[in-house]
Structure formats: C-alpha cells, structure tokens
N, C-alpha and C. Protein backbone atom coordinates (compact mmCIF):
# COMPACT_ATOMS: atom_id res chain seq x y z
N UNK A 1 -73.61 306.97 -5.03
CA UNK A 1 -74.31 306.02 -5.91
C UNK A 1 -73.06 305.98 -7.02
N UNK A 2 -72.75 307.22 -7.88
CA UNK A 2 -72.08 306.66 -8.89
C UNK A 2 -70.86 305.70 -8.62
N UNK A 3 -70.24 305.84 -7.62
CA UNK A 3 -68.84 305.09 -7.24
C UNK A 3 -69.48 303.58 -6.98
N UNK A 4 -70.74 303.50 -6.74
CA UNK A 4 -71.13 302.00 -6.51
C UNK A 4 -71.53 301.34 -7.92
N UNK A 5 -72.10 302.12 -8.60
CA UNK A 5 -72.09 302.00 -10.28
C UNK A 5 -70.87 301.06 -10.99
N UNK A 6 -69.89 301.97 -10.73
CA UNK A 6 -68.48 301.93 -11.02
C UNK A 6 -67.87 300.79 -10.55
N UNK A 7 -68.12 300.56 -9.72
CA UNK A 7 -67.55 299.72 -8.52
C UNK A 7 -67.96 298.40 -8.97
N UNK A 8 -69.07 298.19 -9.37
CA UNK A 8 -69.84 297.09 -9.53
C UNK A 8 -69.44 296.49 -11.31
N UNK A 9 -69.22 297.70 -11.98
CA UNK A 9 -68.49 297.16 -13.25
C UNK A 9 -67.17 296.87 -13.36
N UNK A 10 -66.26 297.51 -12.82
CA UNK A 10 -65.07 296.97 -12.07
C UNK A 10 -64.81 295.40 -12.03
N UNK A 11 -65.98 295.35 -10.77
CA UNK A 11 -66.04 293.80 -10.43
C UNK A 11 -66.24 292.85 -11.43
N UNK A 12 -67.28 293.28 -12.23
CA UNK A 12 -67.74 292.29 -13.41
C UNK A 12 -66.97 291.98 -14.19
N UNK A 13 -65.79 293.35 -14.62
CA UNK A 13 -64.86 292.78 -15.34
C UNK A 13 -63.65 292.33 -14.66
N UNK A 14 -63.39 292.33 -13.59
CA UNK A 14 -62.35 291.28 -13.03
C UNK A 14 -62.97 290.06 -12.39
N UNK A 15 -64.32 289.63 -12.64
CA UNK A 15 -64.54 288.10 -12.74
C UNK A 15 -64.57 287.68 -14.34
N UNK A 16 -64.73 288.35 -15.16
CA UNK A 16 -64.60 287.70 -16.66
C UNK A 16 -62.87 287.42 -16.53
N UNK A 17 -62.21 288.46 -16.27
CA UNK A 17 -61.09 288.22 -16.38
C UNK A 17 -60.03 286.95 -15.73
N UNK A 18 -60.67 286.51 -14.76
CA UNK A 18 -60.71 285.16 -13.86
C UNK A 18 -60.80 284.05 -15.06
N UNK A 19 -61.70 284.28 -15.68
CA UNK A 19 -62.24 282.88 -16.63
C UNK A 19 -61.03 282.53 -17.99
N UNK A 20 -60.20 283.25 -18.03
CA UNK A 20 -59.60 283.45 -19.11
C UNK A 20 -58.04 282.44 -18.80
N UNK A 21 -57.51 282.65 -17.63
CA UNK A 21 -56.36 281.47 -17.54
C UNK A 21 -57.12 280.14 -17.35
N UNK A 22 -58.15 280.08 -16.73
CA UNK A 22 -59.06 278.65 -16.70
C UNK A 22 -59.31 278.25 -18.00
N UNK A 23 -59.89 278.90 -18.89
CA UNK A 23 -59.99 278.32 -20.27
C UNK A 23 -58.93 277.83 -21.09
N UNK A 24 -57.48 278.73 -20.79
CA UNK A 24 -56.23 278.78 -21.35
C UNK A 24 -55.54 276.99 -20.51
N UNK A 25 -56.20 276.63 -19.33
CA UNK A 25 -55.44 275.52 -19.02
C UNK A 25 -56.36 274.14 -19.36
N UNK A 26 -57.55 274.67 -20.02
CA UNK A 26 -58.60 273.68 -20.42
C UNK A 26 -58.37 273.35 -21.22
N UNK A 27 -57.51 273.89 -22.39
CA UNK A 27 -57.58 273.76 -23.57
C UNK A 27 -58.65 274.09 -25.00
N UNK A 28 -59.13 274.88 -24.15
CA UNK A 28 -60.35 275.67 -24.89
C UNK A 28 -60.35 275.71 -26.29
N UNK A 29 -60.45 274.88 -27.37
CA UNK A 29 -60.63 275.12 -28.87
C UNK A 29 -62.01 275.17 -29.36
N UNK A 30 -62.19 276.55 -29.72
CA UNK A 30 -64.05 276.51 -30.55
C UNK A 30 -64.04 275.85 -31.40
N UNK A 31 -62.83 275.47 -32.56
CA UNK A 31 -63.09 274.90 -33.60
C UNK A 31 -63.16 273.75 -33.56
N UNK A 32 -62.97 273.08 -32.50
CA UNK A 32 -62.71 271.59 -32.30
C UNK A 32 -64.31 270.32 -32.70
N UNK A 33 -65.08 271.12 -32.67
CA UNK A 33 -66.27 270.32 -33.11
C UNK A 33 -66.99 270.83 -34.77
N UNK A 34 -65.94 271.38 -35.65
CA UNK A 34 -66.29 271.52 -36.74
C UNK A 34 -66.50 270.24 -37.51
N UNK A 35 -67.63 270.75 -38.38
CA UNK A 35 -68.01 269.42 -39.57
C UNK A 35 -66.80 269.26 -40.46
N UNK A 36 -66.56 268.47 -40.92
CA UNK A 36 -65.77 267.90 -42.01
C UNK A 36 -66.04 268.63 -43.32
N UNK A 37 -65.31 268.77 -44.11
CA UNK A 37 -65.65 269.58 -45.23
C UNK A 37 -66.01 268.59 -46.46
N UNK A 38 -67.22 268.63 -47.19
CA UNK A 38 -67.60 267.82 -48.31
C UNK A 38 -66.92 267.93 -49.57
N UNK A 39 -66.44 267.24 -50.32
CA UNK A 39 -65.95 267.83 -51.28
C UNK A 39 -67.58 268.14 -52.61
N UNK A 40 -68.66 268.02 -51.97
CA UNK A 40 -69.90 268.62 -52.59
C UNK A 40 -69.95 270.25 -52.30
N UNK A 41 -69.40 270.69 -51.38
CA UNK A 41 -69.54 272.03 -50.67
C UNK A 41 -69.01 272.73 -52.04
N UNK A 42 -70.06 273.95 -52.06
CA UNK A 42 -69.84 274.87 -53.32
C UNK A 42 -68.53 275.21 -53.35
N UNK A 43 -67.85 275.77 -52.43
CA UNK A 43 -66.65 276.37 -52.49
C UNK A 43 -65.51 275.39 -52.64
N UNK A 44 -65.61 274.05 -52.18
CA UNK A 44 -65.03 273.13 -52.20
C UNK A 44 -64.76 272.48 -53.68
N UNK A 45 -65.81 272.64 -54.45
CA UNK A 45 -65.82 272.21 -55.83
C UNK A 45 -64.85 273.70 -56.70
N UNK A 46 -65.40 275.07 -56.22
CA UNK A 46 -64.83 275.82 -56.70
C UNK A 46 -63.20 275.83 -56.73
N UNK A 47 -62.92 275.59 -55.50
CA UNK A 47 -61.26 275.29 -55.40
C UNK A 47 -60.63 273.98 -55.50
N UNK A 48 -61.39 272.70 -56.46
CA UNK A 48 -61.03 271.59 -56.57
C UNK A 48 -60.65 270.86 -55.46
N UNK A 49 -61.14 271.02 -54.40
CA UNK A 49 -61.09 270.23 -53.33
C UNK A 49 -61.05 268.98 -53.07
N UNK A 50 -59.93 268.24 -52.80
CA UNK A 50 -59.90 266.53 -52.21
C UNK A 50 -59.35 266.03 -51.31
N UNK A 51 -60.29 265.20 -50.78
CA UNK A 51 -59.56 264.83 -49.16
C UNK A 51 -58.36 263.77 -49.32
N UNK A 52 -57.87 263.76 -50.47
CA UNK A 52 -56.62 262.70 -50.79
C UNK A 52 -55.81 263.53 -51.67
N UNK A 53 -54.64 264.40 -51.64
CA UNK A 53 -54.08 264.88 -52.77
C UNK A 53 -53.48 263.97 -53.84
N UNK A 54 -53.69 264.80 -55.04
CA UNK A 54 -52.97 263.68 -56.08
C UNK A 54 -51.63 264.71 -56.74
N UNK A 55 -51.71 265.91 -56.15
CA UNK A 55 -50.46 266.81 -56.32
C UNK A 55 -49.12 266.10 -55.80
N UNK A 56 -48.20 266.06 -55.96
CA UNK A 56 -46.78 265.28 -55.24
C UNK A 56 -46.23 266.68 -54.46
N UNK A 57 -46.03 266.13 -53.23
CA UNK A 57 -45.92 267.20 -52.15
C UNK A 57 -46.57 268.44 -51.69
N UNK A 58 -47.88 268.36 -51.95
CA UNK A 58 -48.88 269.13 -51.69
C UNK A 58 -50.15 268.65 -51.13
N UNK A 59 -50.02 268.80 -49.54
CA UNK A 59 -51.32 268.06 -48.79
C UNK A 59 -51.84 269.52 -47.94
N UNK A 60 -52.78 269.52 -47.83
CA UNK A 60 -53.60 270.56 -46.55
C UNK A 60 -52.63 270.50 -45.36
N UNK A 61 -51.96 269.18 -44.71
CA UNK A 61 -50.89 269.45 -43.82
C UNK A 61 -49.66 269.91 -43.72
N UNK A 62 -49.24 270.22 -45.12
CA UNK A 62 -47.83 271.26 -45.00
C UNK A 62 -48.40 272.35 -46.16
N UNK A 63 -49.38 272.68 -45.90
CA UNK A 63 -50.00 274.01 -46.63
C UNK A 63 -49.88 275.31 -45.40
N UNK A 64 -49.34 276.35 -45.84
CA UNK A 64 -49.45 277.65 -44.58
C UNK A 64 -51.03 277.97 -44.29
N UNK A 65 -51.89 277.65 -44.94
CA UNK A 65 -53.44 277.93 -44.34
C UNK A 65 -53.58 276.90 -43.10
N UNK A 66 -53.39 275.58 -43.60
CA UNK A 66 -53.83 274.51 -42.45
C UNK A 66 -53.35 274.98 -40.91
N UNK A 67 -54.60 274.76 -40.23
CA UNK A 67 -54.18 275.28 -38.91
C UNK A 67 -54.61 274.03 -37.88
N UNK A 68 -54.24 272.66 -38.50
CA UNK A 68 -54.86 271.81 -37.35
C UNK A 68 -53.55 270.92 -36.99
N UNK A 69 -52.25 271.76 -37.09
CA UNK A 69 -50.98 270.97 -36.70
C UNK A 69 -50.50 269.78 -37.15
N UNK A 70 -50.53 268.56 -36.09
CA UNK A 70 -50.05 267.57 -36.73
C UNK A 70 -51.67 266.29 -36.72
N UNK A 71 -52.66 266.85 -36.18
CA UNK A 71 -54.07 266.51 -36.64
C UNK A 71 -54.10 265.56 -37.93
N UNK A 72 -54.89 264.77 -37.68
CA UNK A 72 -55.64 264.57 -39.33
C UNK A 72 -56.62 264.88 -39.86
N UNK A 73 -57.15 266.32 -39.22
CA UNK A 73 -58.30 267.16 -39.91
C UNK A 73 -58.06 268.46 -38.88
N UNK A 74 -58.30 269.32 -39.77
CA UNK A 74 -58.07 270.59 -38.62
C UNK A 74 -58.84 271.95 -39.71
N UNK A 75 -59.03 273.15 -39.04
CA UNK A 75 -59.29 273.83 -39.68
C UNK A 75 -58.52 274.69 -40.66
N UNK A 76 -59.50 275.63 -41.93
CA UNK A 76 -58.52 276.25 -42.88
C UNK A 76 -59.29 277.42 -42.79
N UNK A 77 -58.63 278.88 -43.07
CA UNK A 77 -59.86 279.74 -43.00
C UNK A 77 -60.44 280.05 -44.42
N UNK A 78 -59.92 279.09 -45.46
CA UNK A 78 -60.62 279.22 -46.80
C UNK A 78 -61.55 278.67 -46.66
N UNK A 79 -62.27 277.83 -45.49
CA UNK A 79 -63.11 277.05 -45.22
C UNK A 79 -63.72 277.07 -44.02
N UNK A 80 -64.29 278.40 -43.48
CA UNK A 80 -65.11 278.60 -41.97
C UNK A 80 -65.62 277.62 -41.77
N UNK A 81 -65.38 277.58 -40.44
CA UNK A 81 -66.40 276.57 -39.60
C UNK A 81 -66.40 275.01 -40.23
N UNK A 82 -65.25 274.75 -41.07
CA UNK A 82 -65.32 273.31 -41.62
C UNK A 82 -63.78 272.91 -40.90
N UNK A 83 -63.61 271.34 -40.91
CA UNK A 83 -62.48 270.83 -40.91
C UNK A 83 -62.36 270.71 -42.32
N UNK A 84 -60.78 270.48 -42.88
CA UNK A 84 -60.39 269.81 -43.71
C UNK A 84 -59.01 268.50 -43.75
N UNK A 85 -59.34 267.52 -44.47
CA UNK A 85 -58.34 266.58 -44.20
C UNK A 85 -56.97 267.04 -44.44
N UNK A 86 -56.39 266.54 -43.45
CA UNK A 86 -54.84 266.94 -43.69
C UNK A 86 -54.40 266.20 -44.29
N UNK A 87 -54.17 264.94 -45.37
CA UNK A 87 -53.82 264.67 -46.85
C UNK A 87 -54.85 265.20 -47.78
N UNK A 88 -55.54 266.35 -47.37
CA UNK A 88 -56.56 266.56 -48.45
C UNK A 88 -55.41 268.03 -49.68
N UNK A 89 -56.10 268.53 -50.46
CA UNK A 89 -55.47 269.60 -51.32
C UNK A 89 -56.74 270.54 -51.98
N UNK A 90 -56.43 271.53 -52.22
CA UNK A 90 -57.39 272.44 -53.08
C UNK A 90 -56.16 273.55 -53.51
N UNK A 91 -56.98 274.61 -54.72
CA UNK A 91 -56.40 275.27 -55.36
C UNK A 91 -55.65 276.62 -54.73
N UNK A 92 -56.12 276.42 -53.49
CA UNK A 92 -55.39 277.51 -52.69
C UNK A 92 -54.17 277.04 -51.82
N UNK A 93 -53.47 275.93 -51.73
CA UNK A 93 -52.29 275.70 -51.37
C UNK A 93 -51.41 276.77 -51.45
N UNK A 94 -50.52 276.75 -50.76
CA UNK A 94 -49.41 277.92 -50.32
C UNK A 94 -48.37 276.95 -49.70
N UNK A 95 -47.25 276.96 -50.04
CA UNK A 95 -46.11 276.48 -49.18
C UNK A 95 -45.83 276.89 -47.78
N UNK A 96 -45.69 276.27 -46.58
CA UNK A 96 -45.09 276.81 -45.40
C UNK A 96 -43.67 277.57 -45.63
N UNK A 97 -44.00 278.56 -44.99
CA UNK A 97 -42.49 279.36 -44.38
C UNK A 97 -41.37 278.79 -43.92
C-alpha cells in the first residue's frame, strides 16, 4: 500500500512539471492584466508619482525598478499589482546600471 501512495504522489508531481514548459512557450505573464496606477493612489501621492516626468532624463522606462521592458506601461515593485506609465516618474527613481 505504501508504494502505491508514493507512486501516485510522484505521478502528480510529474504531471505538474509538464505544465511548466507549456506556460513558458505560451508566454505566461501573471502581471499582464494589472490595473494602471492612479496619481490619486496614496502610495503614488507619497512618492510624487506622475504619469509624465518633468525631470530631465528620468522616466520610469529608464529606472532600474521598471519591469515593463519597452512597453508603454509595466510593473514596478514599488507599486505592487499596478502598472506604471513608461514616461512617468516618482521619487524612487534609480538609474539603470
């Protein structure tokens, strides 16, 4: 009996592992449906977030925290579950290395 239980558990793990390459090929992005950050958000206000930077040479797109690549908007760890505008800016801006 013990071998059958262990065997079923191993089979379940292997079935789960099969889904990983499928998700990678499909381009699964869990944050692709995040809501846009509003300037009225309390955290955004505290960090002086703006959707269009007024600081020369500093935008979310060239910040080391921005995770949106070349997209017009993308995630930022400072604002969980929200997308920020690539041309935006906040006090947490840090130059990409």
